[in-house]
């Protein structure tokens, strides 16, 4: 299947589809200077396969490439992702 990533600003989320199936979402809220990544969710049948990590990486890359926003990892999963990627810590809100 083909994986597709998408920022859905009207829904304040990033989404990952595997073919036609929505498998993961990453919710966010922005205040104009920072973006809080508030909740990562993977459908139960697809958990443990790395979809959430792929989606967080896509979102972080997209935020870095398209804005000057600082990132606040409100979701525990996003916090752990940043712990595993210290080279990306420069994007975090202090």
N, C-alpha and C. Protein backbone atom coordinates (compact mmCIF):
# COMPACT_ATOMS: atom_id res chain seq x y z
N UNK A 1 0.83 -1.19 0.00
CA UNK A 1 0.00 0.00 0.00
C UNK A 1 0.88 1.25 0.00
N UNK A 2 0.30 2.34 -0.43
CA UNK A 2 0.99 3.61 -0.50
C UNK A 2 0.64 4.45 0.72
N UNK A 3 1.66 4.92 1.42
CA UNK A 3 1.43 5.79 2.57
C UNK A 3 1.41 7.23 2.10
N UNK A 4 0.42 7.99 2.58
CA UNK A 4 0.33 9.40 2.25
C UNK A 4 0.19 10.20 3.55
N UNK A 5 0.89 11.31 3.59
CA UNK A 5 0.90 12.21 4.74
C UNK A 5 0.22 13.50 4.33
N UNK A 6 -0.46 14.13 5.29
CA UNK A 6 -1.18 15.34 4.97
C UNK A 6 -1.34 16.20 6.22
N UNK A 7 -1.13 17.50 6.04
CA UNK A 7 -1.49 18.46 7.07
C UNK A 7 -2.93 18.86 6.78
N UNK A 8 -3.79 18.74 7.77
CA UNK A 8 -5.19 19.11 7.62
C UNK A 8 -5.49 20.29 8.56
N UNK A 9 -5.11 21.51 8.13
CA UNK A 9 -5.24 22.66 9.03
C UNK A 9 -6.67 22.95 9.49
N UNK A 10 -7.67 22.63 8.69
CA UNK A 10 -9.05 22.85 9.11
C UNK A 10 -9.43 21.96 10.30
N UNK A 11 -8.72 20.83 10.44
CA UNK A 11 -8.96 19.91 11.55
C UNK A 11 -7.87 20.00 12.62
N UNK A 12 -6.88 20.86 12.41
CA UNK A 12 -5.75 20.99 13.33
C UNK A 12 -5.08 19.65 13.58
N UNK A 13 -4.75 18.97 12.49
CA UNK A 13 -4.08 17.68 12.64
C UNK A 13 -3.29 17.32 11.39
N UNK A 14 -2.33 16.46 11.61
CA UNK A 14 -1.63 15.77 10.53
C UNK A 14 -2.23 14.37 10.46
N UNK A 15 -2.29 13.83 9.26
CA UNK A 15 -2.88 12.51 9.08
C UNK A 15 -1.97 11.64 8.23
N UNK A 16 -2.01 10.35 8.51
CA UNK A 16 -1.27 9.35 7.74
C UNK A 16 -2.26 8.30 7.28
N UNK A 17 -2.28 8.07 5.98
CA UNK A 17 -3.12 7.03 5.38
C UNK A 17 -2.23 5.95 4.79
N UNK A 18 -2.68 4.74 4.92
CA UNK A 18 -2.06 3.60 4.26
C UNK A 18 -3.07 3.13 3.23
N UNK A 19 -2.86 3.49 1.96
CA UNK A 19 -3.89 3.29 0.96
C UNK A 19 -5.06 4.21 1.28
N UNK A 20 -6.25 3.67 1.36
CA UNK A 20 -7.44 4.47 1.69
C UNK A 20 -7.71 4.53 3.19
N UNK A 21 -6.96 3.78 3.98
CA UNK A 21 -7.22 3.67 5.41
C UNK A 21 -6.46 4.73 6.21
N UNK A 22 -7.19 5.47 7.03
CA UNK A 22 -6.58 6.40 7.97
C UNK A 22 -6.00 5.59 9.11
N UNK A 23 -4.67 5.65 9.31
CA UNK A 23 -4.05 4.81 10.33
C UNK A 23 -3.50 5.59 11.52
N UNK A 24 -3.21 6.90 11.33
CA UNK A 24 -2.66 7.67 12.45
C UNK A 24 -2.98 9.15 12.25
N UNK A 25 -3.14 9.85 13.38
CA UNK A 25 -3.32 11.30 13.36
C UNK A 25 -2.45 11.92 14.46
N UNK A 26 -2.08 13.16 14.23
CA UNK A 26 -1.33 13.94 15.21
C UNK A 26 -2.02 15.29 15.32
N UNK A 27 -2.69 15.53 16.44
CA UNK A 27 -3.42 16.77 16.66
C UNK A 27 -2.46 17.87 17.11
N UNK A 28 -2.83 19.12 16.77
CA UNK A 28 -1.99 20.25 17.17
C UNK A 28 -2.84 21.49 17.42
N UNK A 29 -2.22 22.44 18.11
CA UNK A 29 -2.81 23.76 18.34
C UNK A 29 -1.68 24.77 18.19
N UNK A 30 -1.97 25.88 17.50
CA UNK A 30 -0.94 26.89 17.28
C UNK A 30 -1.41 28.23 17.84
N UNK A 31 -0.46 28.99 18.40
CA UNK A 31 -0.79 30.32 18.90
C UNK A 31 -0.11 31.42 18.09
N UNK A 32 0.48 31.06 16.96
CA UNK A 32 1.15 32.04 16.11
C UNK A 32 2.66 32.07 16.26
N UNK A 33 3.17 31.71 17.43
CA UNK A 33 4.62 31.65 17.63
C UNK A 33 5.10 30.25 17.94
N UNK A 34 4.18 29.40 18.41
CA UNK A 34 4.53 28.02 18.75
C UNK A 34 3.37 27.11 18.36
N UNK A 35 3.71 25.85 18.15
CA UNK A 35 2.71 24.85 17.84
C UNK A 35 2.84 23.72 18.85
N UNK A 36 1.74 23.42 19.51
CA UNK A 36 1.70 22.32 20.49
C UNK A 36 1.24 21.07 19.78
N UNK A 37 2.04 20.02 19.84
CA UNK A 37 1.64 18.73 19.30
C UNK A 37 0.99 17.99 20.46
N UNK A 38 -0.34 17.91 20.42
CA UNK A 38 -1.11 17.57 21.61
C UNK A 38 -1.50 16.10 21.75
N UNK A 39 -1.64 15.38 20.62
CA UNK A 39 -2.08 13.99 20.75
C UNK A 39 -1.72 13.21 19.50
N UNK A 40 -1.03 12.11 19.69
CA UNK A 40 -0.77 11.16 18.61
C UNK A 40 -1.68 9.96 18.82
N UNK A 41 -2.31 9.52 17.75
CA UNK A 41 -3.21 8.37 17.84
C UNK A 41 -3.01 7.49 16.62
N UNK A 42 -2.85 6.20 16.86
CA UNK A 42 -2.80 5.19 15.81
C UNK A 42 -3.96 4.23 16.04
N UNK A 43 -4.63 3.83 14.98
CA UNK A 43 -5.74 2.90 15.13
C UNK A 43 -5.23 1.62 15.79
N UNK A 44 -6.01 1.04 16.68
CA UNK A 44 -5.54 -0.12 17.45
C UNK A 44 -4.95 -1.25 16.61
N UNK A 45 -5.55 -1.56 15.49
CA UNK A 45 -5.06 -2.68 14.67
C UNK A 45 -3.70 -2.38 14.03
N UNK A 46 -3.30 -1.11 13.99
CA UNK A 46 -2.05 -0.72 13.33
C UNK A 46 -0.96 -0.31 14.31
N UNK A 47 -1.21 -0.37 15.59
CA UNK A 47 -0.22 0.04 16.59
C UNK A 47 1.00 -0.87 16.58
N UNK A 48 2.14 -0.30 16.95
CA UNK A 48 3.37 -1.06 17.06
C UNK A 48 4.08 -1.27 15.74
N UNK A 49 3.66 -0.59 14.70
CA UNK A 49 4.27 -0.76 13.37
C UNK A 49 5.02 0.49 12.91
N UNK A 50 5.17 1.47 13.79
CA UNK A 50 5.96 2.66 13.47
C UNK A 50 5.22 3.78 12.77
N UNK A 51 3.91 3.67 12.64
CA UNK A 51 3.16 4.72 11.95
C UNK A 51 3.22 6.05 12.69
N UNK A 52 3.07 6.04 14.00
CA UNK A 52 3.10 7.29 14.76
C UNK A 52 4.46 7.98 14.63
N UNK A 53 5.54 7.22 14.68
CA UNK A 53 6.88 7.80 14.53
C UNK A 53 7.05 8.43 13.16
N UNK A 54 6.55 7.77 12.13
CA UNK A 54 6.63 8.33 10.77
C UNK A 54 5.84 9.63 10.68
N UNK A 55 4.67 9.65 11.31
CA UNK A 55 3.83 10.83 11.25
C UNK A 55 4.44 12.00 12.03
N UNK A 56 5.00 11.72 13.19
CA UNK A 56 5.65 12.79 13.96
C UNK A 56 6.83 13.35 13.16
N UNK A 57 7.63 12.48 12.57
CA UNK A 57 8.76 12.96 11.76
C UNK A 57 8.28 13.82 10.60
N UNK A 58 7.23 13.39 9.92
CA UNK A 58 6.68 14.19 8.83
C UNK A 58 6.22 15.56 9.34
N UNK A 59 5.50 15.58 10.44
CA UNK A 59 5.00 16.83 10.99
C UNK A 59 6.13 17.76 11.39
N UNK A 60 7.13 17.24 12.07
CA UNK A 60 8.28 18.07 12.48
C UNK A 60 8.99 18.63 11.25
N UNK A 61 9.20 17.79 10.25
CA UNK A 61 9.83 18.25 9.01
C UNK A 61 8.99 19.34 8.34
N UNK A 62 7.67 19.14 8.31
CA UNK A 62 6.77 20.11 7.68
C UNK A 62 6.77 21.44 8.44
N UNK A 63 6.69 21.37 9.75
CA UNK A 63 6.70 22.59 10.56
C UNK A 63 8.00 23.35 10.35
N UNK A 64 9.12 22.64 10.33
CA UNK A 64 10.41 23.28 10.13
C UNK A 64 10.51 23.91 8.73
N UNK A 65 10.00 23.23 7.72
CA UNK A 65 10.14 23.70 6.34
C UNK A 65 9.17 24.83 5.98
N UNK A 66 8.03 24.90 6.66
CA UNK A 66 7.00 25.84 6.22
C UNK A 66 6.70 26.98 7.20
N UNK A 67 7.39 27.01 8.34
CA UNK A 67 7.08 28.04 9.32
C UNK A 67 8.30 28.34 10.20
N UNK A 68 8.14 29.36 11.03
CA UNK A 68 9.14 29.69 12.05
C UNK A 68 8.64 29.29 13.43
N UNK A 69 7.59 28.47 13.49
CA UNK A 69 7.00 28.08 14.77
C UNK A 69 7.94 27.20 15.57
N UNK A 70 7.94 27.40 16.87
CA UNK A 70 8.64 26.53 17.80
C UNK A 70 7.68 25.41 18.18
N UNK A 71 8.20 24.26 18.53
CA UNK A 71 7.37 23.10 18.82
C UNK A 71 7.31 22.84 20.33
N UNK A 72 6.10 22.59 20.82
CA UNK A 72 5.88 22.21 22.21
C UNK A 72 5.31 20.80 22.19
N UNK A 73 6.06 19.81 22.67
CA UNK A 73 5.58 18.42 22.66
C UNK A 73 4.69 18.13 23.87
N UNK A 74 3.40 18.41 23.74
CA UNK A 74 2.46 18.18 24.84
C UNK A 74 2.10 16.71 25.00
N UNK A 75 2.16 15.96 23.94
CA UNK A 75 1.84 14.53 23.95
C UNK A 75 3.07 13.74 24.40
N UNK A 76 2.88 12.76 25.27
CA UNK A 76 4.00 11.96 25.77
C UNK A 76 4.75 11.29 24.62
N UNK A 77 4.03 10.84 23.61
CA UNK A 77 4.69 10.14 22.50
C UNK A 77 5.61 11.09 21.74
N UNK A 78 5.15 12.30 21.51
CA UNK A 78 5.98 13.29 20.81
C UNK A 78 7.20 13.63 21.66
N UNK A 79 7.02 13.74 22.97
CA UNK A 79 8.16 13.98 23.87
C UNK A 79 9.19 12.88 23.76
N UNK A 80 8.73 11.63 23.74
CA UNK A 80 9.66 10.50 23.60
C UNK A 80 10.33 10.51 22.23
N UNK A 81 9.61 10.92 21.19
CA UNK A 81 10.20 11.01 19.86
C UNK A 81 11.37 12.01 19.88
N UNK A 82 11.15 13.16 20.51
CA UNK A 82 12.23 14.15 20.60
C UNK A 82 13.39 13.64 21.46
N UNK A 83 13.11 12.86 22.50
CA UNK A 83 14.18 12.27 23.30
C UNK A 83 15.06 11.37 22.43
N UNK A 84 14.46 10.68 21.47
CA UNK A 84 15.21 9.79 20.58
C UNK A 84 15.87 10.53 19.42
N UNK A 85 15.53 11.80 19.24
CA UNK A 85 16.08 12.62 18.15
C UNK A 85 16.62 13.94 18.70
N UNK A 86 17.68 13.87 19.50
CA UNK A 86 18.20 15.10 20.11
C UNK A 86 18.69 16.13 19.09
N UNK A 87 18.99 15.69 17.89
CA UNK A 87 19.42 16.62 16.85
C UNK A 87 18.30 17.58 16.43
N UNK A 88 17.07 17.28 16.82
CA UNK A 88 15.92 18.13 16.48
C UNK A 88 15.52 19.05 17.63
N UNK A 89 16.22 18.99 18.76
CA UNK A 89 15.87 19.78 19.93
C UNK A 89 15.87 21.29 19.68
N UNK A 90 16.61 21.73 18.67
CA UNK A 90 16.64 23.16 18.35
C UNK A 90 15.30 23.72 17.92
N UNK A 91 14.35 22.86 17.58
CA UNK A 91 13.02 23.30 17.17
C UNK A 91 12.08 23.47 18.35
N UNK A 92 12.48 23.04 19.52
CA UNK A 92 11.58 23.06 20.68
C UNK A 92 11.49 24.44 21.30
N UNK A 93 10.30 24.75 21.79
CA UNK A 93 10.06 25.98 22.56
C UNK A 93 10.71 25.81 23.92
N UNK A 94 11.44 26.80 24.35
CA UNK A 94 12.11 26.73 25.65
C UNK A 94 11.29 27.40 26.71
